Amino acid sequence: CLTTRPDLHDLRLDCTALRFCDTMGISALLMIHRRTTARDVRLHLDS
């Protein structure tokens, strides 16, 4: 999404149906945060 959408301003992660998250899942969220911040994109964690 970040590399193919130069017009991207908001990346939303909808977690409504997420049932489990381990340390690798948290690490993935942090990695996405670093990448969105570097591209000046707001990262939303919904529900």
ModelCIF file with pLDDT and N, C-alpha, C, O atoms, coordinates in Angstrom:
data_MODEL
#
_entry.id   MODEL 
#
_entity.id                         1 
_entity.type                       polymer 
_entity.pdbx_number_of_molecules   1 
#
_entity_poly.entity_id                      1 
_entity_poly.type                           'polypeptide(L)' 
_entity_poly.nstd_linkage                   no 
_entity_poly.nstd_monomer                   no 
_entity_poly.pdbx_seq_one_letter_code       CLTTRPDLHDLRLDCTALRFCDTMGISALLMIHRRTTARDVRLHLDS 
_entity_poly.pdbx_seq_one_letter_code_can   CLTTRPDLHDLRLDCTALRFCDTMGISALLMIHRRTTARDVRLHLDS 
_entity_poly.pdbx_strand_id                 A 
#
loop_
_entity_poly_seq.entity_id 
_entity_poly_seq.num 
_entity_poly_seq.mon_id 
_entity_poly_seq.hetero 
1 1  CYS n 
1 2  LEU n 
1 3  THR n 
1 4  THR n 
1 5  ARG n 
1 6  PRO n 
1 7  ASP n 
1 8  LEU n 
1 9  HIS n 
1 10 ASP n 
1 11 LEU n 
1 12 ARG n 
1 13 LEU n 
1 14 ASP n 
1 15 CYS n 
1 16 THR n 
1 17 ALA n 
1 18 LEU n 
1 19 ARG n 
1 20 PHE n 
1 21 CYS n 
1 22 ASP n 
1 23 THR n 
1 24 MET n 
1 25 GLY n 
1 26 ILE n 
1 27 SER n 
1 28 ALA n 
1 29 LEU n 
1 30 LEU n 
1 31 MET n 
1 32 ILE n 
1 33 HIS n 
1 34 ARG n 
1 35 ARG n 
1 36 THR n 
1 37 THR n 
1 38 ALA n 
1 39 ARG n 
1 40 ASP n 
1 41 VAL n 
1 42 ARG n 
1 43 LEU n 
1 44 HIS n 
1 45 LEU n 
1 46 ASP n 
1 47 SER n 
#
_struct_asym.id          A 
_struct_asym.entity_id   1 
#
loop_
_ma_qa_metric.id 
_ma_qa_metric.mode 
_ma_qa_metric.name 
_ma_qa_metric.software_group_id 
_ma_qa_metric.type 
1 global pLDDT . pLDDT 
2 local  pLDDT . pLDDT 
#
_ma_qa_metric_global.metric_id      1 
_ma_qa_metric_global.metric_value   97.02 
_ma_qa_metric_global.model_id       1 
_ma_qa_metric_global.ordinal_id     1 
#
loop_
_ma_qa_metric_local.label_asym_id 
_ma_qa_metric_local.label_comp_id 
_ma_qa_metric_local.label_seq_id 
_ma_qa_metric_local.metric_id 
_ma_qa_metric_local.metric_value 
_ma_qa_metric_local.model_id 
_ma_qa_metric_local.ordinal_id 
A CYS 1  2 97.00 1 1  
A LEU 2  2 97.00 1 2  
A THR 3  2 97.00 1 3  
A THR 4  2 96.00 1 4  
A ARG 5  2 95.00 1 5  
A PRO 6  2 94.00 1 6  
A ASP 7  2 96.00 1 7  
A LEU 8  2 98.00 1 8  
A HIS 9  2 97.00 1 9  
A ASP 10 2 98.00 1 10 
A LEU 11 2 98.00 1 11 
A ARG 12 2 98.00 1 12 
A LEU 13 2 98.00 1 13 
A ASP 14 2 97.00 1 14 
A CYS 15 2 97.00 1 15 
A THR 16 2 96.00 1 16 
A ALA 17 2 97.00 1 17 
A LEU 18 2 97.00 1 18 
A ARG 19 2 96.00 1 19 
A PHE 20 2 96.00 1 20 
A CYS 21 2 96.00 1 21 
A ASP 22 2 96.00 1 22 
A THR 23 2 96.00 1 23 
A MET 24 2 97.00 1 24 
A GLY 25 2 97.00 1 25 
A ILE 26 2 98.00 1 26 
A SER 27 2 98.00 1 27 
A ALA 28 2 98.00 1 28 
A LEU 29 2 98.00 1 29 
A LEU 30 2 98.00 1 30 
A MET 31 2 98.00 1 31 
A ILE 32 2 98.00 1 32 
A HIS 33 2 98.00 1 33 
A ARG 34 2 98.00 1 34 
A ARG 35 2 98.00 1 35 
A THR 36 2 98.00 1 36 
A THR 37 2 97.00 1 37 
A ALA 38 2 97.00 1 38 
A ARG 39 2 97.00 1 39 
A ASP 40 2 97.00 1 40 
A VAL 41 2 97.00 1 41 
A ARG 42 2 97.00 1 42 
A LEU 43 2 97.00 1 43 
A HIS 44 2 97.00 1 44 
A LEU 45 2 97.00 1 45 
A ASP 46 2 96.00 1 46 
A SER 47 2 96.00 1 47 
#
loop_
_atom_site.group_PDB 
_atom_site.id 
_atom_site.type_symbol 
_atom_site.label_atom_id 
_atom_site.label_alt_id 
_atom_site.label_comp_id 
_atom_site.label_asym_id 
_atom_site.label_entity_id 
_atom_site.label_seq_id 
_atom_site.pdbx_PDB_ins_code 
_atom_site.Cartn_x 
_atom_site.Cartn_y 
_atom_site.Cartn_z 
_atom_site.occupancy 
_atom_site.B_iso_or_equiv 
_atom_site.pdbx_formal_charge 
_atom_site.auth_seq_id 
_atom_site.auth_comp_id 
_atom_site.auth_asym_id 
_atom_site.auth_atom_id 
_atom_site.pdbx_PDB_model_num 
ATOM 1   N N  . CYS A 1 1  ? 0.836   -1.210  0.000  1.00 97.00 ? 1  CYS A N  1 
ATOM 2   C CA . CYS A 1 1  ? 0.000   0.000   0.000  1.00 97.00 ? 1  CYS A CA 1 
ATOM 3   C C  . CYS A 1 1  ? 0.865   1.251   0.000  1.00 97.00 ? 1  CYS A C  1 
ATOM 4   O O  . CYS A 1 1  ? 0.576   2.208   -0.719 1.00 97.00 ? 1  CYS A O  1 
ATOM 5   N N  . LEU A 1 2  ? 1.918   1.250   0.799  1.00 97.00 ? 2  LEU A N  1 
ATOM 6   C CA . LEU A 1 2  ? 2.780   2.431   0.905  1.00 97.00 ? 2  LEU A CA 1 
ATOM 7   C C  . LEU A 1 2  ? 3.567   2.700   -0.375 1.00 97.00 ? 2  LEU A C  1 
ATOM 8   O O  . LEU A 1 2  ? 3.779   3.856   -0.740 1.00 97.00 ? 2  LEU A O  1 
ATOM 9   N N  . THR A 1 3  ? 3.999   1.650   -1.055 1.00 97.00 ? 3  THR A N  1 
ATOM 10  C CA . THR A 1 3  ? 4.840   1.842   -2.234 1.00 97.00 ? 3  THR A CA 1 
ATOM 11  C C  . THR A 1 3  ? 4.051   2.047   -3.527 1.00 97.00 ? 3  THR A C  1 
ATOM 12  O O  . THR A 1 3  ? 4.555   2.655   -4.471 1.00 97.00 ? 3  THR A O  1 
ATOM 13  N N  . THR A 1 4  ? 2.833   1.550   -3.572 1.00 96.00 ? 4  THR A N  1 
ATOM 14  C CA . THR A 1 4  ? 2.062   1.673   -4.808 1.00 96.00 ? 4  THR A CA 1 
ATOM 15  C C  . THR A 1 4  ? 1.051   2.812   -4.787 1.00 96.00 ? 4  THR A C  1 
ATOM 16  O O  . THR A 1 4  ? 0.412   3.094   -5.801 1.00 96.00 ? 4  THR A O  1 
ATOM 17  N N  . ARG A 1 5  ? 0.905   3.463   -3.649 1.00 95.00 ? 5  ARG A N  1 
ATOM 18  C CA . ARG A 1 5  ? -0.081  4.530   -3.510 1.00 95.00 ? 5  ARG A CA 1 
ATOM 19  C C  . ARG A 1 5  ? 0.599   5.831   -3.089 1.00 95.00 ? 5  ARG A C  1 
ATOM 20  O O  . ARG A 1 5  ? 0.609   6.152   -1.901 1.00 95.00 ? 5  ARG A O  1 
ATOM 21  N N  . PRO A 1 6  ? 1.165   6.586   -4.026 1.00 94.00 ? 6  PRO A N  1 
ATOM 22  C CA . PRO A 1 6  ? 1.836   7.838   -3.663 1.00 94.00 ? 6  PRO A CA 1 
ATOM 23  C C  . PRO A 1 6  ? 0.882   8.876   -3.066 1.00 94.00 ? 6  PRO A C  1 
ATOM 24  O O  . PRO A 1 6  ? 1.325   9.819   -2.411 1.00 94.00 ? 6  PRO A O  1 
ATOM 25  N N  . ASP A 1 7  ? -0.428  8.706   -3.289 1.00 96.00 ? 7  ASP A N  1 
ATOM 26  C CA . ASP A 1 7  ? -1.421  9.635   -2.749 1.00 96.00 ? 7  ASP A CA 1 
ATOM 27  C C  . ASP A 1 7  ? -1.886  9.250   -1.347 1.00 96.00 ? 7  ASP A C  1 
ATOM 28  O O  . ASP A 1 7  ? -2.762  9.911   -0.789 1.00 96.00 ? 7  ASP A O  1 
ATOM 29  N N  . LEU A 1 8  ? -1.322  8.204   -0.774 1.00 98.00 ? 8  LEU A N  1 
ATOM 30  C CA . LEU A 1 8  ? -1.782  7.679   0.510  1.00 98.00 ? 8  LEU A CA 1 
ATOM 31  C C  . LEU A 1 8  ? -1.458  8.647   1.643  1.00 98.00 ? 8  LEU A C  1 
ATOM 32  O O  . LEU A 1 8  ? -0.315  9.071   1.810  1.00 98.00 ? 8  LEU A O  1 
ATOM 33  N N  . HIS A 1 9  ? -2.487  8.988   2.418  1.00 97.00 ? 9  HIS A N  1 
ATOM 34  C CA . HIS A 1 9  ? -2.319  9.843   3.595  1.00 97.00 ? 9  HIS A CA 1 
ATOM 35  C C  . HIS A 1 9  ? -2.656  9.106   4.875  1.00 97.00 ? 9  HIS A C  1 
ATOM 36  O O  . HIS A 1 9  ? -2.160  9.453   5.946  1.00 97.00 ? 9  HIS A O  1 
ATOM 37  N N  . ASP A 1 10 ? -3.511  8.076   4.765  1.00 98.00 ? 10 ASP A N  1 
ATOM 38  C CA . ASP A 1 10 ? -3.965  7.333   5.936  1.00 98.00 ? 10 ASP A CA 1 
ATOM 39  C C  . ASP A 1 10 ? -3.947  5.838   5.647  1.00 98.00 ? 10 ASP A C  1 
ATOM 40  O O  . ASP A 1 10 ? -4.511  5.374   4.656  1.00 98.00 ? 10 ASP A O  1 
ATOM 41  N N  . LEU A 1 11 ? -3.293  5.100   6.526  1.00 98.00 ? 11 LEU A N  1 
ATOM 42  C CA . LEU A 1 11 ? -3.324  3.639   6.472  1.00 98.00 ? 11 LEU A CA 1 
ATOM 43  C C  . LEU A 1 11 ? -4.052  3.177   7.722  1.00 98.00 ? 11 LEU A C  1 
ATOM 44  O O  . LEU A 1 11 ? -3.635  3.468   8.843  1.00 98.00 ? 11 LEU A O  1 
ATOM 45  N N  . ARG A 1 12 ? -5.151  2.450   7.515  1.00 98.00 ? 12 ARG A N  1 
ATOM 46  C CA . ARG A 1 12 ? -5.978  1.995   8.625  1.00 98.00 ? 12 ARG A CA 1 
ATOM 47  C C  . ARG A 1 12 ? -5.814  0.489   8.794  1.00 98.00 ? 12 ARG A C  1 
ATOM 48  O O  . ARG A 1 12 ? -5.879  -0.266  7.824  1.00 98.00 ? 12 ARG A O  1 
ATOM 49  N N  . LEU A 1 13 ? -5.603  0.066   10.029 1.00 98.00 ? 13 LEU A N  1 
ATOM 50  C CA . LEU A 1 13 ? -5.569  -1.346  10.366 1.00 98.00 ? 13 LEU A CA 1 
ATOM 51  C C  . LEU A 1 13 ? -6.814  -1.629  11.205 1.00 98.00 ? 13 LEU A C  1 
ATOM 52  O O  . LEU A 1 13 ? -6.899  -1.214  12.361 1.00 98.00 ? 13 LEU A O  1 
ATOM 53  N N  . ASP A 1 14 ? -7.768  -2.329  10.623 1.00 97.00 ? 14 ASP A N  1 
ATOM 54  C CA . ASP A 1 14 ? -9.013  -2.650  11.319 1.00 97.00 ? 14 ASP A CA 1 
ATOM 55  C C  . ASP A 1 14 ? -8.822  -3.965  12.050 1.00 97.00 ? 14 ASP A C  1 
ATOM 56  O O  . ASP A 1 14 ? -8.673  -5.018  11.430 1.00 97.00 ? 14 ASP A O  1 
ATOM 57  N N  . CYS A 1 15 ? -8.827  -3.896  13.369 1.00 97.00 ? 15 CYS A N  1 
ATOM 58  C CA . CYS A 1 15 ? -8.540  -5.072  14.208 1.00 97.00 ? 15 CYS A CA 1 
ATOM 59  C C  . CYS A 1 15 ? -9.794  -5.676  14.821 1.00 97.00 ? 15 CYS A C  1 
ATOM 60  O O  . CYS A 1 15 ? -9.696  -6.473  15.755 1.00 97.00 ? 15 CYS A O  1 
ATOM 61  N N  . THR A 1 16 ? -10.951 -5.321  14.325 1.00 96.00 ? 16 THR A N  1 
ATOM 62  C CA . THR A 1 16 ? -12.212 -5.785  14.894 1.00 96.00 ? 16 THR A CA 1 
ATOM 63  C C  . THR A 1 16 ? -12.242 -7.303  15.062 1.00 96.00 ? 16 THR A C  1 
ATOM 64  O O  . THR A 1 16 ? -12.685 -7.795  16.100 1.00 96.00 ? 16 THR A O  1 
ATOM 65  N N  . ALA A 1 17 ? -11.783 -8.047  14.071 1.00 97.00 ? 17 ALA A N  1 
ATOM 66  C CA . ALA A 1 17 ? -11.872 -9.511  14.092 1.00 97.00 ? 17 ALA A CA 1 
ATOM 67  C C  . ALA A 1 17 ? -10.555 -10.185 14.482 1.00 97.00 ? 17 ALA A C  1 
ATOM 68  O O  . ALA A 1 17 ? -10.395 -11.391 14.293 1.00 97.00 ? 17 ALA A O  1 
ATOM 69  N N  . LEU A 1 18 ? -9.619  -9.414  15.022 1.00 97.00 ? 18 LEU A N  1 
ATOM 70  C CA . LEU A 1 18 ? -8.352  -10.002 15.469 1.00 97.00 ? 18 LEU A CA 1 
ATOM 71  C C  . LEU A 1 18 ? -8.607  -10.794 16.748 1.00 97.00 ? 18 LEU A C  1 
ATOM 72  O O  . LEU A 1 18 ? -9.245  -10.292 17.673 1.00 97.00 ? 18 LEU A O  1 
ATOM 73  N N  . ARG A 1 19 ? -8.115  -12.019 16.803 1.00 96.00 ? 19 ARG A N  1 
ATOM 74  C CA . ARG A 1 19 ? -8.366  -12.899 17.946 1.00 96.00 ? 19 ARG A CA 1 
ATOM 75  C C  . ARG A 1 19 ? -7.139  -13.094 18.834 1.00 96.00 ? 19 ARG A C  1 
ATOM 76  O O  . ARG A 1 19 ? -7.270  -13.469 19.999 1.00 96.00 ? 19 ARG A O  1 
ATOM 77  N N  . PHE A 1 20 ? -5.941  -12.841 18.286 1.00 96.00 ? 20 PHE A N  1 
ATOM 78  C CA . PHE A 1 20 ? -4.711  -13.104 19.030 1.00 96.00 ? 20 PHE A CA 1 
ATOM 79  C C  . PHE A 1 20 ? -3.598  -12.274 18.413 1.00 96.00 ? 20 PHE A C  1 
ATOM 80  O O  . PHE A 1 20 ? -3.586  -12.031 17.207 1.00 96.00 ? 20 PHE A O  1 
ATOM 81  N N  . CYS A 1 21 ? -2.671  -11.846 19.243 1.00 96.00 ? 21 CYS A N  1 
ATOM 82  C CA . CYS A 1 21 ? -1.492  -11.141 18.747 1.00 96.00 ? 21 CYS A CA 1 
ATOM 83  C C  . CYS A 1 21 ? -0.332  -11.448 19.681 1.00 96.00 ? 21 CYS A C  1 
ATOM 84  O O  . CYS A 1 21 ? -0.421  -11.201 20.884 1.00 96.00 ? 21 CYS A O  1 
ATOM 85  N N  . ASP A 1 22 ? 0.759   -11.986 19.134 1.00 96.00 ? 22 ASP A N  1 
ATOM 86  C CA . ASP A 1 22 ? 1.929   -12.278 19.955 1.00 96.00 ? 22 ASP A CA 1 
ATOM 87  C C  . ASP A 1 22 ? 2.985   -11.190 19.747 1.00 96.00 ? 22 ASP A C  1 
ATOM 88  O O  . ASP A 1 22 ? 2.706   -10.164 19.126 1.00 96.00 ? 22 ASP A O  1 
ATOM 89  N N  . THR A 1 23 ? 4.188   -11.411 20.262 1.00 96.00 ? 23 THR A N  1 
ATOM 90  C CA . THR A 1 23 ? 5.240   -10.403 20.168 1.00 96.00 ? 23 THR A CA 1 
ATOM 91  C C  . THR A 1 23 ? 5.632   -10.119 18.725 1.00 96.00 ? 23 THR A C  1 
ATOM 92  O O  . THR A 1 23 ? 5.999   -8.988  18.405 1.00 96.00 ? 23 THR A O  1 
ATOM 93  N N  . MET A 1 24 ? 5.565   -11.104 17.855 1.00 97.00 ? 24 MET A N  1 
ATOM 94  C CA . MET A 1 24 ? 5.869   -10.857 16.440 1.00 97.00 ? 24 MET A CA 1 
ATOM 95  C C  . MET A 1 24 ? 4.788   -9.985  15.804 1.00 97.00 ? 24 MET A C  1 
ATOM 96  O O  . MET A 1 24 ? 5.085   -9.179  14.923 1.00 97.00 ? 24 MET A O  1 
ATOM 97  N N  . GLY A 1 25 ? 3.561   -10.137 16.235 1.00 97.00 ? 25 GLY A N  1 
ATOM 98  C CA . GLY A 1 25 ? 2.489   -9.279  15.750 1.00 97.00 ? 25 GLY A CA 1 
ATOM 99  C C  . GLY A 1 25 ? 2.710   -7.834  16.179 1.00 97.00 ? 25 GLY A C  1 
ATOM 100 O O  . GLY A 1 25 ? 2.529   -6.910  15.386 1.00 97.00 ? 25 GLY A O  1 
ATOM 101 N N  . ILE A 1 26 ? 3.103   -7.641  17.441 1.00 98.00 ? 26 ILE A N  1 
ATOM 102 C CA . ILE A 1 26 ? 3.410   -6.290  17.929 1.00 98.00 ? 26 ILE A CA 1 
ATOM 103 C C  . ILE A 1 26 ? 4.607   -5.732  17.163 1.00 98.00 ? 26 ILE A C  1 
ATOM 104 O O  . ILE A 1 26 ? 4.614   -4.558  16.792 1.00 98.00 ? 26 ILE A O  1 
ATOM 105 N N  . SER A 1 27 ? 5.593   -6.549  16.931 1.00 98.00 ? 27 SER A N  1 
ATOM 106 C CA . SER A 1 27 ? 6.763   -6.121  16.160 1.00 98.00 ? 27 SER A CA 1 
ATOM 107 C C  . SER A 1 27 ? 6.351   -5.685  14.753 1.00 98.00 ? 27 SER A C  1 
ATOM 108 O O  . SER A 1 27 ? 6.871   -4.698  14.233 1.00 98.00 ? 27 SER A O  1 
ATOM 109 N N  . ALA A 1 28 ? 5.429   -6.409  14.143 1.00 98.00 ? 28 ALA A N  1 
ATOM 110 C CA . ALA A 1 28 ? 4.948   -6.050  12.807 1.00 98.00 ? 28 ALA A CA 1 
ATOM 111 C C  . ALA A 1 28 ? 4.237   -4.694  12.844 1.00 98.00 ? 28 ALA A C  1 
ATOM 112 O O  . ALA A 1 28 ? 4.426   -3.871  11.949 1.00 98.00 ? 28 ALA A O  1 
ATOM 113 N N  . LEU A 1 29 ? 3.428   -4.463  13.867 1.00 98.00 ? 29 LEU A N  1 
ATOM 114 C CA . LEU A 1 29 ? 2.750   -3.176  13.995 1.00 98.00 ? 29 LEU A CA 1 
ATOM 115 C C  . LEU A 1 29 ? 3.756   -2.037  14.147 1.00 98.00 ? 29 LEU A C  1 
ATOM 116 O O  . LEU A 1 29 ? 3.579   -0.967  13.565 1.00 98.00 ? 29 LEU A O  1 
ATOM 117 N N  . LEU A 1 30 ? 4.812   -2.271  14.931 1.00 98.00 ? 30 LEU A N  1 
ATOM 118 C CA . LEU A 1 30 ? 5.842   -1.246  15.111 1.00 98.00 ? 30 LEU A CA 1 
ATOM 119 C C  . LEU A 1 30 ? 6.627   -1.003  13.821 1.00 98.00 ? 30 LEU A C  1 
ATOM 120 O O  . LEU A 1 30 ? 6.994   0.133   13.520 1.00 98.00 ? 30 LEU A O  1 
ATOM 121 N N  . MET A 1 31 ? 6.880   -2.052  13.072 1.00 98.00 ? 31 MET A N  1 
ATOM 122 C CA . MET A 1 31 ? 7.578   -1.903  11.795 1.00 98.00 ? 31 MET A CA 1 
ATOM 123 C C  . MET A 1 31 ? 6.727   -1.083  10.818 1.00 98.00 ? 31 MET A C  1 
ATOM 124 O O  . MET A 1 31 ? 7.243   -0.213  10.117 1.00 98.00 ? 31 MET A O  1 
ATOM 125 N N  . ILE A 1 32 ? 5.444   -1.362  10.779 1.00 98.00 ? 32 ILE A N  1 
ATOM 126 C CA . ILE A 1 32 ? 4.544   -0.602  9.914  1.00 98.00 ? 32 ILE A CA 1 
ATOM 127 C C  . ILE A 1 32 ? 4.508   0.855   10.370 1.00 98.00 ? 32 ILE A C  1 
ATOM 128 O O  . ILE A 1 32 ? 4.480   1.763   9.540  1.00 98.00 ? 32 ILE A O  1 
ATOM 129 N N  . HIS A 1 33 ? 4.507   1.081   11.672 1.00 98.00 ? 33 HIS A N  1 
ATOM 130 C CA . HIS A 1 33 ? 4.530   2.455   12.190 1.00 98.00 ? 33 HIS A CA 1 
ATOM 131 C C  . HIS A 1 33 ? 5.774   3.196   11.698 1.00 98.00 ? 33 HIS A C  1 
ATOM 132 O O  . HIS A 1 33 ? 5.676   4.337   11.246 1.00 98.00 ? 33 HIS A O  1 
ATOM 133 N N  . ARG A 1 34 ? 6.933   2.561   11.781 1.00 98.00 ? 34 ARG A N  1 
ATOM 134 C CA . ARG A 1 34 ? 8.169   3.207   11.309 1.00 98.00 ? 34 ARG A CA 1 
ATOM 135 C C  . ARG A 1 34 ? 8.068   3.548   9.823  1.00 98.00 ? 34 ARG A C  1 
ATOM 136 O O  . ARG A 1 34 ? 8.492   4.623   9.398  1.00 98.00 ? 34 ARG A O  1 
ATOM 137 N N  . ARG A 1 35 ? 7.516   2.648   9.053  1.00 98.00 ? 35 ARG A N  1 
ATOM 138 C CA . ARG A 1 35 ? 7.441   2.870   7.601  1.00 98.00 ? 35 ARG A CA 1 
ATOM 139 C C  . ARG A 1 35 ? 6.412   3.930   7.228  1.00 98.00 ? 35 ARG A C  1 
ATOM 140 O O  . ARG A 1 35 ? 6.634   4.704   6.297  1.00 98.00 ? 35 ARG A O  1 
ATOM 141 N N  . THR A 1 36 ? 5.294   3.975   7.938  1.00 98.00 ? 36 THR A N  1 
ATOM 142 C CA . THR A 1 36 ? 4.316   5.019   7.645  1.00 98.00 ? 36 THR A CA 1 
ATOM 143 C C  . THR A 1 36 ? 4.853   6.383   8.063  1.00 98.00 ? 36 THR A C  1 
ATOM 144 O O  . THR A 1 36 ? 4.655   7.371   7.357  1.00 98.00 ? 36 THR A O  1 
ATOM 145 N N  . THR A 1 37 ? 5.522   6.441   9.189  1.00 97.00 ? 37 THR A N  1 
ATOM 146 C CA . THR A 1 37 ? 6.110   7.699   9.650  1.00 97.00 ? 37 THR A CA 1 
ATOM 147 C C  . THR A 1 37 ? 7.143   8.207   8.646  1.00 97.00 ? 37 THR A C  1 
ATOM 148 O O  . THR A 1 37 ? 7.192   9.402   8.357  1.00 97.00 ? 37 THR A O  1 
ATOM 149 N N  . ALA A 1 38 ? 7.963   7.309   8.119  1.00 97.00 ? 38 ALA A N  1 
ATOM 150 C CA . ALA A 1 38 ? 8.983   7.704   7.138  1.00 97.00 ? 38 ALA A CA 1 
ATOM 151 C C  . ALA A 1 38 ? 8.354   8.246   5.858  1.00 97.00 ? 38 ALA A C  1 
ATOM 152 O O  . ALA A 1 38 ? 8.973   9.048   5.158  1.00 97.00 ? 38 ALA A O  1 
ATOM 153 N N  . ARG A 1 39 ? 7.138   7.821   5.546  1.00 97.00 ? 39 ARG A N  1 
ATOM 154 C CA . ARG A 1 39 ? 6.462   8.272   4.320  1.00 97.00 ? 39 ARG A CA 1 
ATOM 155 C C  . ARG A 1 39 ? 5.412   9.341   4.593  1.00 97.00 ? 39 ARG A C  1 
ATOM 156 O O  . ARG A 1 39 ? 4.652   9.722   3.703  1.00 97.00 ? 39 ARG A O  1 
ATOM 157 N N  . ASP A 1 40 ? 5.379   9.822   5.839  1.00 97.00 ? 40 ASP A N  1 
ATOM 158 C CA . ASP A 1 40 ? 4.447   10.887  6.202  1.00 97.00 ? 40 ASP A CA 1 
ATOM 159 C C  . ASP A 1 40 ? 2.994   10.448  6.035  1.00 97.00 ? 40 ASP A C  1 
ATOM 160 O O  . ASP A 1 40 ? 2.158   11.218  5.561  1.00 97.00 ? 40 ASP A O  1 
ATOM 161 N N  . VAL A 1 41 ? 2.699   9.210   6.426  1.00 97.00 ? 41 VAL A N  1 
ATOM 162 C CA . VAL A 1 41 ? 1.354   8.640   6.353  1.00 97.00 ? 41 VAL A CA 1 
ATOM 163 C C  . VAL A 1 41 ? 0.874   8.398   7.784  1.00 97.00 ? 41 VAL A C  1 
ATOM 164 O O  . VAL A 1 41 ? 1.616   7.863   8.608  1.00 97.00 ? 41 VAL A O  1 
ATOM 165 N N  . ARG A 1 42 ? -0.365  8.793   8.075  1.00 97.00 ? 42 ARG A N  1 
ATOM 166 C CA . ARG A 1 42 ? -0.937  8.538   9.401  1.00 97.00 ? 42 ARG A CA 1 
ATOM 167 C C  . ARG A 1 42 ? -1.347  7.076   9.502  1.00 97.00 ? 42 ARG A C  1 
ATOM 168 O O  . ARG A 1 42 ? -1.955  6.530   8.581  1.00 97.00 ? 42 ARG A O  1 
ATOM 169 N N  . LEU A 1 43 ? -1.013  6.445   10.621 1.00 97.00 ? 43 LEU A N  1 
ATOM 170 C CA . LEU A 1 43 ? -1.361  5.048   10.872 1.00 97.00 ? 43 LEU A CA 1 
ATOM 171 C C  . LEU A 1 43 ? -2.453  4.987   11.925 1.00 97.00 ? 43 LEU A C  1 
ATOM 172 O O  . LEU A 1 43 ? -2.298  5.513   13.027 1.00 97.00 ? 43 LEU A O  1 
ATOM 173 N N  . HIS A 1 44 ? -3.559  4.340   11.577 1.00 97.00 ? 44 HIS A N  1 
ATOM 174 C CA . HIS A 1 44 ? -4.705  4.218   12.469 1.00 97.00 ? 44 HIS A CA 1 
ATOM 175 C C  . HIS A 1 44 ? -4.858  2.757   12.879 1.00 97.00 ? 44 HIS A C  1 
ATOM 176 O O  . HIS A 1 44 ? -4.735  1.855   12.051 1.00 97.00 ? 44 HIS A O  1 
ATOM 177 N N  . LEU A 1 45 ? -5.123  2.536   14.141 1.00 97.00 ? 45 LEU A N  1 
ATOM 178 C CA . LEU A 1 45 ? -5.417  1.203   14.649 1.00 97.00 ? 45 LEU A CA 1 
ATOM 179 C C  . LEU A 1 45 ? -6.878  1.241   15.086 1.00 97.00 ? 45 LEU A C  1 
ATOM 180 O O  . LEU A 1 45 ? -7.196  1.728   16.171 1.00 97.00 ? 45 LEU A O  1 
ATOM 181 N N  . ASP A 1 46 ? -7.758  0.727   14.240 1.00 96.00 ? 46 ASP A N  1 
ATOM 182 C CA . ASP A 1 46 ? -9.193  0.818   14.485 1.00 96.00 ? 46 ASP A CA 1 
ATOM 183 C C  . ASP A 1 46 ? -9.724  -0.421  15.189 1.00 96.00 ? 46 ASP A C  1 
ATOM 184 O O  . ASP A 1 46 ? -9.376  -1.550  14.844 1.00 96.00 ? 46 ASP A O  1 
ATOM 185 N N  . SER A 1 47 ? -10.564 -0.190  16.170 1.00 96.00 ? 47 SER A N  1 
ATOM 186 C CA . SER A 1 47 ? -11.295 -1.241  16.893 1.00 96.00 ? 47 SER A CA 1 
ATOM 187 C C  . SER A 1 47 ? -10.392 -2.340  17.450 1.00 96.00 ? 47 SER A C  1 
ATOM 188 O O  . SER A 1 47 ? -10.880 -3.280  18.077 1.00 96.00 ? 47 SER A O  1 
#
